[in-house]
Amino acid sequence: MRVWVLGRCGGYPRPGEACSGYLVEAAGRRVLLDLGHGALSRLLVHLSPYDLDAVVVSHLHPDHVADLPALRVALRWGRRPASWAGRLPVLGPAQAAEYLAHVVGEPVLEEFDFYAIAEAEPVELDGLRLRFCRTRHPVETYAVRLESQGAVLVYTADTAPSDAVRDLSRGADVLLAEATLSEAYRDRADAAGHLTGSLAGALAHEAGVRRLLLTHFFPTTDPQESVTAAQKAFVGPVGAVEEGASYEV
């Protein structure tokens, strides 16, 4: 399993960077996790949108879905291969189809096949298993655990400290955790529905993961300061993801 970082910014992008977007390749499958501002152009460096097997939308905040309407245009007007199934599966909150239709001003069911995420129902994609849990965030949001051939990746999406996310993350090889806020705002993290570096480190420690990768940095948050804070709570390998880089799980 390998994960490519298309964007790592939270809220809005830094100059020249992109918001949340991650491409996971495992067992011959390609799954997109979120597609925030600017992430589509990074995705197209790696593959055609017709090569995707599924999209997971963690929640409907723009820094996670802003480029989804553009992906729909690419699917609608691009050069469709003969093998194209016709619609791309999108797993997300129950309101995802309605939200996107409102944004573009017309139905979007010709390009996307929407499935409402259910915490109790794992999704199987021929060798890749996805499990979900609700996070602690102001809107309906889901973390996802991806399992394939013994490798486990957990993506927290956006969340405050959460027992459910901790349990979903147990024993993961890689925890891709948000670290939106600097330590100066740690006392406001719970109300904001976000983590700091130290809170992400505590989550990794409690879940017993092997490696912690921090992402979703607010533009005023210093990623290296977040890494340093996380290392005080988690003794395993810690890093801040880099846009355009890939990481083996």
C-alpha atoms as a PDB file:
ATOM      1  CA  MET A   1       0.000   0.000   0.000  1.00  0.00           C
ATOM      2  CA  ARG A   2       1.216   3.496  -0.840  1.00  0.00           C
ATOM      3  CA  VAL A   3      -0.296   6.937  -0.210  1.00  0.00           C
ATOM      4  CA  TRP A   4       0.453   9.996  -2.341  1.00  0.00           C
ATOM      5  CA  VAL A   5      -0.021  13.454  -0.815  1.00  0.00           C
ATOM      6  CA  LEU A   6      -1.869  15.765  -3.196  1.00  0.00           C
ATOM      7  CA  GLY A   7      -2.380  18.532  -0.644  1.00  0.00           C
ATOM      8  CA  ARG A   8      -1.686  19.025   3.047  1.00  0.00           C
ATOM      9  CA  CYS A   9      -3.186  22.426   3.904  1.00  0.00           C
ATOM     10  CA  GLY A  10      -6.180  22.928   6.166  1.00  0.00           C
ATOM     11  CA  GLY A  11      -8.735  25.725   5.911  1.00  0.00           C
ATOM     12  CA  TYR A  12      -7.198  27.364   2.853  1.00  0.00           C
ATOM     13  CA  PRO A  13      -4.013  26.665   0.875  1.00  0.00           C
ATOM     14  CA  ARG A  14      -0.642  28.270   1.303  1.00  0.00           C
ATOM     15  CA  PRO A  15       0.640  29.996  -1.862  1.00  0.00           C
ATOM     16  CA  GLY A  16       1.493  27.325  -4.403  1.00  0.00           C
ATOM     17  CA  GLU A  17       0.089  24.487  -2.294  1.00  0.00           C
ATOM     18  CA  ALA A  18      -3.198  22.589  -2.075  1.00  0.00           C
ATOM     19  CA  CYS A  19      -5.688  21.508   0.551  1.00  0.00           C
ATOM     20  CA  SER A  20      -6.522  17.963   1.598  1.00  0.00           C
ATOM     21  CA  GLY A  21      -6.155  15.217  -0.976  1.00  0.00           C
ATOM     22  CA  TYR A  22      -4.569  11.757  -0.770  1.00  0.00           C
ATOM     23  CA  LEU A  23      -4.326   9.003  -3.364  1.00  0.00           C
ATOM     24  CA  VAL A  24      -4.074   5.486  -1.947  1.00  0.00           C
ATOM     25  CA  GLU A  25      -2.856   2.633  -4.137  1.00  0.00           C
ATOM     26  CA  ALA A  26      -3.298  -0.912  -2.841  1.00  0.00           C
ATOM     27  CA  ALA A  27      -4.083  -4.330  -4.315  1.00  0.00           C
ATOM     28  CA  GLY A  28      -4.315  -2.790  -7.769  1.00  0.00           C
ATOM     29  CA  ARG A  29      -6.962  -0.312  -6.578  1.00  0.00           C
ATOM     30  CA  ARG A  30      -6.776   3.473  -6.495  1.00  0.00           C
ATOM     31  CA  VAL A  31      -8.849   5.286  -3.902  1.00  0.00           C
ATOM     32  CA  LEU A  32      -8.965   9.055  -3.495  1.00  0.00           C
ATOM     33  CA  LEU A  33      -9.363  10.453   0.020  1.00  0.00           C
ATOM     34  CA  ASP A  34     -10.814  13.975  -0.184  1.00  0.00           C
ATOM     35  CA  LEU A  35     -10.188  16.581  -2.882  1.00  0.00           C
ATOM     36  CA  GLY A  36      -9.774  20.081  -1.488  1.00  0.00           C
ATOM     37  CA  HIS A  37      -8.700  23.341  -3.130  1.00  0.00           C
ATOM     38  CA  GLY A  38      -6.030  22.688  -5.784  1.00  0.00           C
ATOM     39  CA  ALA A  39      -5.768  18.941  -5.218  1.00  0.00           C
ATOM     40  CA  LEU A  40      -7.232  17.883  -8.572  1.00  0.00           C
ATOM     41  CA  SER A  41      -4.305  19.259 -10.577  1.00  0.00           C
ATOM     42  CA  ARG A  42      -1.951  17.246  -8.352  1.00  0.00           C
ATOM     43  CA  LEU A  43      -4.074  14.130  -8.864  1.00  0.00           C
ATOM     44  CA  LEU A  44      -3.873  14.476 -12.645  1.00  0.00           C
ATOM     45  CA  VAL A  45      -0.080  14.293 -12.436  1.00  0.00           C
ATOM     46  CA  HIS A  46      -0.484  10.670 -11.348  1.00  0.00           C
ATOM     47  CA  LEU A  47      -3.440   9.331 -13.311  1.00  0.00           C
ATOM     48  CA  SER A  48      -6.533   9.935 -15.371  1.00  0.00           C
ATOM     49  CA  PRO A  49      -9.691  10.424 -13.312  1.00  0.00           C
ATOM     50  CA  TYR A  50     -11.074   7.373 -15.122  1.00  0.00           C
ATOM     51  CA  ASP A  51      -8.392   5.279 -13.392  1.00  0.00           C
ATOM     52  CA  LEU A  52      -9.920   5.887  -9.964  1.00  0.00           C
ATOM     53  CA  ASP A  53     -11.831   3.052  -8.333  1.00  0.00           C
ATOM     54  CA  ALA A  54     -13.547   5.139  -5.638  1.00  0.00           C
ATOM     55  CA  VAL A  55     -13.556   8.473  -3.828  1.00  0.00           C
ATOM     56  CA  VAL A  56     -13.950   8.831  -0.067  1.00  0.00           C
ATOM     57  CA  VAL A  57     -15.312  12.198   1.055  1.00  0.00           C
ATOM     58  CA  SER A  58     -14.639  12.582   4.770  1.00  0.00           C
ATOM     59  CA  HIS A  59     -16.925  15.596   5.123  1.00  0.00           C
ATOM     60  CA  LEU A  60     -18.347  18.528   3.205  1.00  0.00           C
ATOM     61  CA  HIS A  61     -16.104  21.408   4.243  1.00  0.00           C
ATOM     62  CA  PRO A  62     -14.591  23.117   1.163  1.00  0.00           C
ATOM     63  CA  ASP A  63     -10.971  22.355   2.049  1.00  0.00           C
ATOM     64  CA  HIS A  64     -11.892  18.686   1.572  1.00  0.00           C
ATOM     65  CA  VAL A  65     -14.329  18.835  -1.372  1.00  0.00           C
ATOM     66  CA  ALA A  66     -13.729  22.095  -3.278  1.00  0.00           C
ATOM     67  CA  ASP A  67     -12.285  20.310  -6.334  1.00  0.00           C
ATOM     68  CA  LEU A  68     -14.985  17.626  -6.490  1.00  0.00           C
ATOM     69  CA  PRO A  69     -17.103  19.667  -8.953  1.00  0.00           C
ATOM     70  CA  ALA A  70     -14.038  19.966 -11.204  1.00  0.00           C
ATOM     71  CA  LEU A  71     -13.498  16.201 -11.007  1.00  0.00           C
ATOM     72  CA  ARG A  72     -17.068  15.767 -12.171  1.00  0.00           C
ATOM     73  CA  VAL A  73     -16.390  18.021 -15.187  1.00  0.00           C
ATOM     74  CA  ALA A  74     -13.248  16.022 -16.002  1.00  0.00           C
ATOM     75  CA  LEU A  75     -15.254  12.792 -15.942  1.00  0.00           C
ATOM     76  CA  ARG A  76     -18.086  14.249 -17.993  1.00  0.00           C
ATOM     77  CA  TRP A  77     -16.061  15.854 -20.769  1.00  0.00           C
ATOM     78  CA  GLY A  78     -12.810  13.908 -20.771  1.00  0.00           C
ATOM     79  CA  ARG A  79     -11.788  11.180 -23.188  1.00  0.00           C
ATOM     80  CA  ARG A  80     -13.565   8.209 -21.690  1.00  0.00           C
ATOM     81  CA  PRO A  81     -11.840   4.865 -22.190  1.00  0.00           C
ATOM     82  CA  ALA A  82     -13.944   1.964 -23.402  1.00  0.00           C
ATOM     83  CA  SER A  83     -13.402   0.271 -20.045  1.00  0.00           C
ATOM     84  CA  TRP A  84     -14.994   3.132 -18.078  1.00  0.00           C
ATOM     85  CA  ALA A  85     -17.833   1.784 -15.954  1.00  0.00           C
ATOM     86  CA  GLY A  86     -19.880   4.950 -16.363  1.00  0.00           C
ATOM     87  CA  ARG A  87     -20.009   6.310 -12.812  1.00  0.00           C
ATOM     88  CA  LEU A  88     -17.372   6.751 -10.126  1.00  0.00           C
ATOM     89  CA  PRO A  89     -18.330   5.466  -6.656  1.00  0.00           C
ATOM     90  CA  VAL A  90     -18.267   8.235  -4.033  1.00  0.00           C
ATOM     91  CA  LEU A  91     -18.486   7.269  -0.357  1.00  0.00           C
ATOM     92  CA  GLY A  92     -19.343  10.127   1.960  1.00  0.00           C
ATOM     93  CA  PRO A  93     -21.914  11.753   4.241  1.00  0.00           C
ATOM     94  CA  ALA A  94     -25.530  11.149   3.294  1.00  0.00           C
ATOM     95  CA  GLN A  95     -25.897  14.740   2.062  1.00  0.00           C
ATOM     96  CA  ALA A  96     -22.973  14.558  -0.393  1.00  0.00           C
ATOM     97  CA  ALA A  97     -25.041  14.170  -3.574  1.00  0.00           C
ATOM     98  CA  GLU A  98     -27.414  16.972  -2.602  1.00  0.00           C
ATOM     99  CA  TYR A  99     -24.499  19.229  -1.637  1.00  0.00           C
ATOM    100  CA  LEU A 100     -22.678  18.754  -4.922  1.00  0.00           C
ATOM    101  CA  ALA A 101     -25.834  19.164  -6.989  1.00  0.00           C
ATOM    102  CA  HIS A 102     -26.474  22.462  -5.199  1.00  0.00           C
ATOM    103  CA  VAL A 103     -22.931  23.657  -5.959  1.00  0.00           C
ATOM    104  CA  VAL A 104     -23.075  22.872  -9.688  1.00  0.00           C
ATOM    105  CA  GLY A 105     -26.769  23.675 -10.152  1.00  0.00           C
ATOM    106  CA  GLU A 106     -27.807  20.337 -11.637  1.00  0.00           C
ATOM    107  CA  PRO A 107     -27.912  16.626 -10.771  1.00  0.00           C
ATOM    108  CA  VAL A 108     -24.547  14.867 -10.655  1.00  0.00           C
ATOM    109  CA  LEU A 109     -25.631  11.234 -10.807  1.00  0.00           C
ATOM    110  CA  GLU A 110     -24.415  10.668 -14.370  1.00  0.00           C
ATOM    111  CA  GLU A 111     -20.797  10.882 -13.216  1.00  0.00           C
ATOM    112  CA  PHE A 112     -20.931   9.842  -9.556  1.00  0.00           C
ATOM    113  CA  ASP A 113     -22.547   6.916  -7.767  1.00  0.00           C
ATOM    114  CA  PHE A 114     -23.050   8.024  -4.164  1.00  0.00           C
ATOM    115  CA  TYR A 115     -23.012   5.741  -1.132  1.00  0.00           C
ATOM    116  CA  ALA A 116     -23.717   7.017   2.372  1.00  0.00           C
ATOM    117  CA  ILE A 117     -20.996   5.937   4.793  1.00  0.00           C
ATOM    118  CA  ALA A 118     -22.214   3.655   7.584  1.00  0.00           C
ATOM    119  CA  GLU A 119     -19.949   3.059  10.580  1.00  0.00           C
ATOM    120  CA  ALA A 120     -21.104  -0.534  11.022  1.00  0.00           C
ATOM    121  CA  GLU A 121     -20.683  -1.512   7.370  1.00  0.00           C
ATOM    122  CA  PRO A 122     -17.156  -2.100   6.013  1.00  0.00           C
ATOM    123  CA  VAL A 123     -16.644  -1.611   2.276  1.00  0.00           C
ATOM    124  CA  GLU A 124     -14.766  -4.219   0.220  1.00  0.00           C
ATOM    125  CA  LEU A 125     -12.972  -3.252  -2.989  1.00  0.00           C
ATOM    126  CA  ASP A 126     -11.388  -6.489  -4.240  1.00  0.00           C
ATOM    127  CA  GLY A 127      -8.486  -6.777  -1.825  1.00  0.00           C
ATOM    128  CA  LEU A 128      -8.926  -3.406  -0.110  1.00  0.00           C
ATOM    129  CA  ARG A 129     -11.148  -3.109   2.970  1.00  0.00           C
ATOM    130  CA  LEU A 130     -12.436   0.222   4.297  1.00  0.00           C
ATOM    131  CA  ARG A 131     -13.897   0.826   7.752  1.00  0.00           C
ATOM    132  CA  PHE A 132     -15.226   4.113   9.089  1.00  0.00           C
ATOM    133  CA  CYS A 133     -16.061   5.971  12.286  1.00  0.00           C
ATOM    134  CA  ARG A 134     -17.559   9.354  13.081  1.00  0.00           C
ATOM    135  CA  THR A 135     -15.086  11.934  14.293  1.00  0.00           C
ATOM    136  CA  ARG A 136     -15.567  14.932  16.573  1.00  0.00           C
ATOM    137  CA  HIS A 137     -15.993  17.845  14.171  1.00  0.00           C
ATOM    138  CA  PRO A 138     -18.707  20.499  13.726  1.00  0.00           C
ATOM    139  CA  VAL A 139     -20.186  18.687  10.703  1.00  0.00           C
ATOM    140  CA  GLU A 140     -20.719  14.993   9.956  1.00  0.00           C
ATOM    141  CA  THR A 141     -17.192  13.690   9.398  1.00  0.00           C
ATOM    142  CA  TYR A 142     -15.655  10.240   9.023  1.00  0.00           C
ATOM    143  CA  ALA A 143     -12.212   8.817   9.632  1.00  0.00           C
ATOM    144  CA  VAL A 144     -11.310   5.811   7.496  1.00  0.00           C
ATOM    145  CA  ARG A 145      -9.198   2.706   8.056  1.00  0.00           C
ATOM    146  CA  LEU A 146      -7.836   1.027   4.917  1.00  0.00           C
ATOM    147  CA  GLU A 147      -6.567  -2.556   5.114  1.00  0.00           C
ATOM    148  CA  SER A 148      -4.881  -4.538   2.340  1.00  0.00           C
ATOM    149  CA  GLN A 149      -2.535  -7.528   2.368  1.00  0.00           C
ATOM    150  CA  GLY A 150      -1.630  -6.958   6.012  1.00  0.00           C
ATOM    151  CA  ALA A 151      -0.972  -3.208   5.671  1.00  0.00           C
ATOM    152  CA  VAL A 152      -3.143  -0.726   7.582  1.00  0.00           C
ATOM    153  CA  LEU A 153      -3.510   3.018   6.970  1.00  0.00           C
ATOM    154  CA  VAL A 154      -5.807   5.231   9.046  1.00  0.00           C
ATOM    155  CA  TYR A 155      -6.776   8.744   7.946  1.00  0.00           C
ATOM    156  CA  THR A 156      -8.270  10.792  10.766  1.00  0.00           C
ATOM    157  CA  ALA A 157      -9.874  13.424   8.545  1.00  0.00           C
ATOM    158  CA  ASP A 158     -10.789  16.394  10.786  1.00  0.00           C
ATOM    159  CA  THR A 159     -11.336  15.629  14.448  1.00  0.00           C
ATOM    160  CA  ALA A 160     -10.871  16.704  18.025  1.00  0.00           C
ATOM    161  CA  PRO A 161      -9.533  14.019  20.417  1.00  0.00           C
ATOM    162  CA  SER A 162     -11.861  11.052  19.959  1.00  0.00           C
ATOM    163  CA  ASP A 163     -12.182   7.605  21.520  1.00  0.00           C
ATOM    164  CA  ALA A 164     -13.777   6.326  18.310  1.00  0.00           C
ATOM    165  CA  VAL A 165     -10.884   7.530  16.154  1.00  0.00           C
ATOM    166  CA  ARG A 166      -8.418   6.072  18.649  1.00  0.00           C
ATOM    167  CA  ASP A 167     -10.143   2.688  18.470  1.00  0.00           C
ATOM    168  CA  LEU A 168     -10.282   2.769  14.667  1.00  0.00           C
ATOM    169  CA  SER A 169      -6.549   3.540  14.614  1.00  0.00           C
ATOM    170  CA  ARG A 170      -5.407   0.706  16.881  1.00  0.00           C
ATOM    171  CA  GLY A 171      -2.339  -1.093  15.566  1.00  0.00           C
ATOM    172  CA  ALA A 172      -2.212   0.835  12.285  1.00  0.00           C
ATOM    173  CA  ASP A 173       1.045   0.804  10.360  1.00  0.00           C
ATOM    174  CA  VAL A 174       0.585   4.467   9.451  1.00  0.00           C
ATOM    175  CA  LEU A 175      -1.667   7.037  11.100  1.00  0.00           C
ATOM    176  CA  LEU A 176      -2.249   9.992   8.768  1.00  0.00           C
ATOM    177  CA  ALA A 177      -3.424  12.486  11.354  1.00  0.00           C
ATOM    178  CA  GLU A 178      -4.523  16.053  11.122  1.00  0.00           C
ATOM    179  CA  ALA A 179      -2.506  18.641  13.049  1.00  0.00           C
ATOM    180  CA  THR A 180      -4.405  21.744  12.051  1.00  0.00           C
ATOM    181  CA  LEU A 181      -3.611  23.956  15.005  1.00  0.00           C
ATOM    182  CA  SER A 182      -0.392  25.157  16.568  1.00  0.00           C
ATOM    183  CA  GLU A 183       0.219  24.417  20.238  1.00  0.00           C
ATOM    184  CA  ALA A 184      -0.764  28.000  21.059  1.00  0.00           C
ATOM    185  CA  TYR A 185      -4.361  26.975  20.299  1.00  0.00           C
ATOM    186  CA  ARG A 186      -4.369  23.616  22.079  1.00  0.00           C
ATOM    187  CA  ASP A 187      -6.951  24.822  24.612  1.00  0.00           C
ATOM    188  CA  ARG A 188      -9.308  25.647  21.726  1.00  0.00           C
ATOM    189  CA  ALA A 189      -8.792  22.410  19.789  1.00  0.00           C
ATOM    190  CA  ASP A 190     -11.719  20.571  21.348  1.00  0.00           C
ATOM    191  CA  ALA A 191     -14.232  23.285  20.505  1.00  0.00           C
ATOM    192  CA  ALA A 192     -12.788  23.717  17.019  1.00  0.00           C
ATOM    193  CA  GLY A 193     -12.927  20.004  16.251  1.00  0.00           C
ATOM    194  CA  HIS A 194      -9.232  19.761  15.436  1.00  0.00           C
ATOM    195  CA  LEU A 195      -5.893  18.448  16.727  1.00  0.00           C
ATOM    196  CA  THR A 196      -2.513  19.969  17.451  1.00  0.00           C
ATOM    197  CA  GLY A 197       0.760  18.133  16.975  1.00  0.00           C
ATOM    198  CA  SER A 198       0.856  17.066  20.610  1.00  0.00           C
ATOM    199  CA  LEU A 199      -2.749  15.838  20.508  1.00  0.00           C
ATOM    200  CA  ALA A 200      -2.010  13.854  17.351  1.00  0.00           C
ATOM    201  CA  GLY A 201       1.014  12.374  19.111  1.00  0.00           C
ATOM    202  CA  ALA A 202      -1.135  11.379  22.071  1.00  0.00           C
ATOM    203  CA  LEU A 203      -3.618   9.731  19.706  1.00  0.00           C
ATOM    204  CA  ALA A 204      -0.820   7.758  18.032  1.00  0.00           C
ATOM    205  CA  HIS A 205       0.530   6.660  21.426  1.00  0.00           C
ATOM    206  CA  GLU A 206      -2.855   5.554  22.759  1.00  0.00           C
ATOM    207  CA  ALA A 207      -3.685   3.680  19.543  1.00  0.00           C
ATOM    208  CA  GLY A 208      -0.330   1.905  19.416  1.00  0.00           C
ATOM    209  CA  VAL A 209       0.405   2.778  15.787  1.00  0.00           C
ATOM    210  CA  ARG A 210       3.776   2.173  14.169  1.00  0.00           C
ATOM    211  CA  ARG A 211       4.269   5.518  12.395  1.00  0.00           C
ATOM    212  CA  LEU A 212       2.669   8.954  12.600  1.00  0.00           C
ATOM    213  CA  LEU A 213       2.385  11.273   9.612  1.00  0.00           C
ATOM    214  CA  LEU A 214       1.013  14.753  10.301  1.00  0.00           C
ATOM    215  CA  THR A 215      -1.034  16.693   7.768  1.00  0.00           C
ATOM    216  CA  HIS A 216      -3.816  19.297   7.340  1.00  0.00           C
ATOM    217  CA  PHE A 217      -1.759  22.214   8.629  1.00  0.00           C
ATOM    218  CA  PHE A 218      -3.422  25.595   8.889  1.00  0.00           C
ATOM    219  CA  PRO A 219      -1.254  28.053   6.894  1.00  0.00           C
ATOM    220  CA  THR A 220      -0.054  29.727  10.107  1.00  0.00           C
ATOM    221  CA  THR A 221       0.914  26.403  11.708  1.00  0.00           C
ATOM    222  CA  ASP A 222       4.590  25.419  11.461  1.00  0.00           C
ATOM    223  CA  PRO A 223       4.707  21.724  10.454  1.00  0.00           C
ATOM    224  CA  GLN A 224       8.101  21.128  12.060  1.00  0.00           C
ATOM    225  CA  GLU A 225       6.946  22.619  15.345  1.00  0.00           C
ATOM    226  CA  SER A 226       3.989  20.236  15.171  1.00  0.00           C
ATOM    227  CA  VAL A 227       6.367  17.306  14.625  1.00  0.00           C
ATOM    228  CA  THR A 228       8.433  18.336  17.644  1.00  0.00           C
ATOM    229  CA  ALA A 229       5.297  18.568  19.783  1.00  0.00           C
ATOM    230  CA  ALA A 230       4.077  15.163  18.593  1.00  0.00           C
ATOM    231  CA  GLN A 231       7.418  13.540  19.419  1.00  0.00           C
ATOM    232  CA  LYS A 232       6.954  14.433  23.077  1.00  0.00           C
ATOM    233  CA  ALA A 233       3.858  12.206  23.199  1.00  0.00           C
ATOM    234  CA  PHE A 234       4.756   9.444  20.712  1.00  0.00           C
ATOM    235  CA  VAL A 235       8.079   7.587  20.648  1.00  0.00           C
ATOM    236  CA  GLY A 236       7.695   6.086  17.166  1.00  0.00           C
ATOM    237  CA  PRO A 237       8.633   7.707  13.847  1.00  0.00           C
ATOM    238  CA  VAL A 238       6.925  11.067  13.263  1.00  0.00           C
ATOM    239  CA  GLY A 239       6.974  13.250  10.170  1.00  0.00           C
ATOM    240  CA  ALA A 240       5.121  16.050   8.438  1.00  0.00           C
ATOM    241  CA  VAL A 241       3.912  14.986   5.006  1.00  0.00           C
ATOM    242  CA  GLU A 242       5.180  16.856   1.972  1.00  0.00           C
ATOM    243  CA  GLU A 243       2.983  17.703  -0.975  1.00  0.00           C
ATOM    244  CA  GLY A 244       3.870  15.519  -3.949  1.00  0.00           C
ATOM    245  CA  ALA A 245       5.593  12.895  -1.810  1.00  0.00           C
ATOM    246  CA  SER A 246       4.490   9.298  -1.386  1.00  0.00           C
ATOM    247  CA  TYR A 247       4.727   7.067   1.668  1.00  0.00           C
ATOM    248  CA  GLU A 248       4.751   3.299   1.886  1.00  0.00           C
ATOM    249  CA  VAL A 249       2.433   1.766   4.447  1.00  0.00           C
END
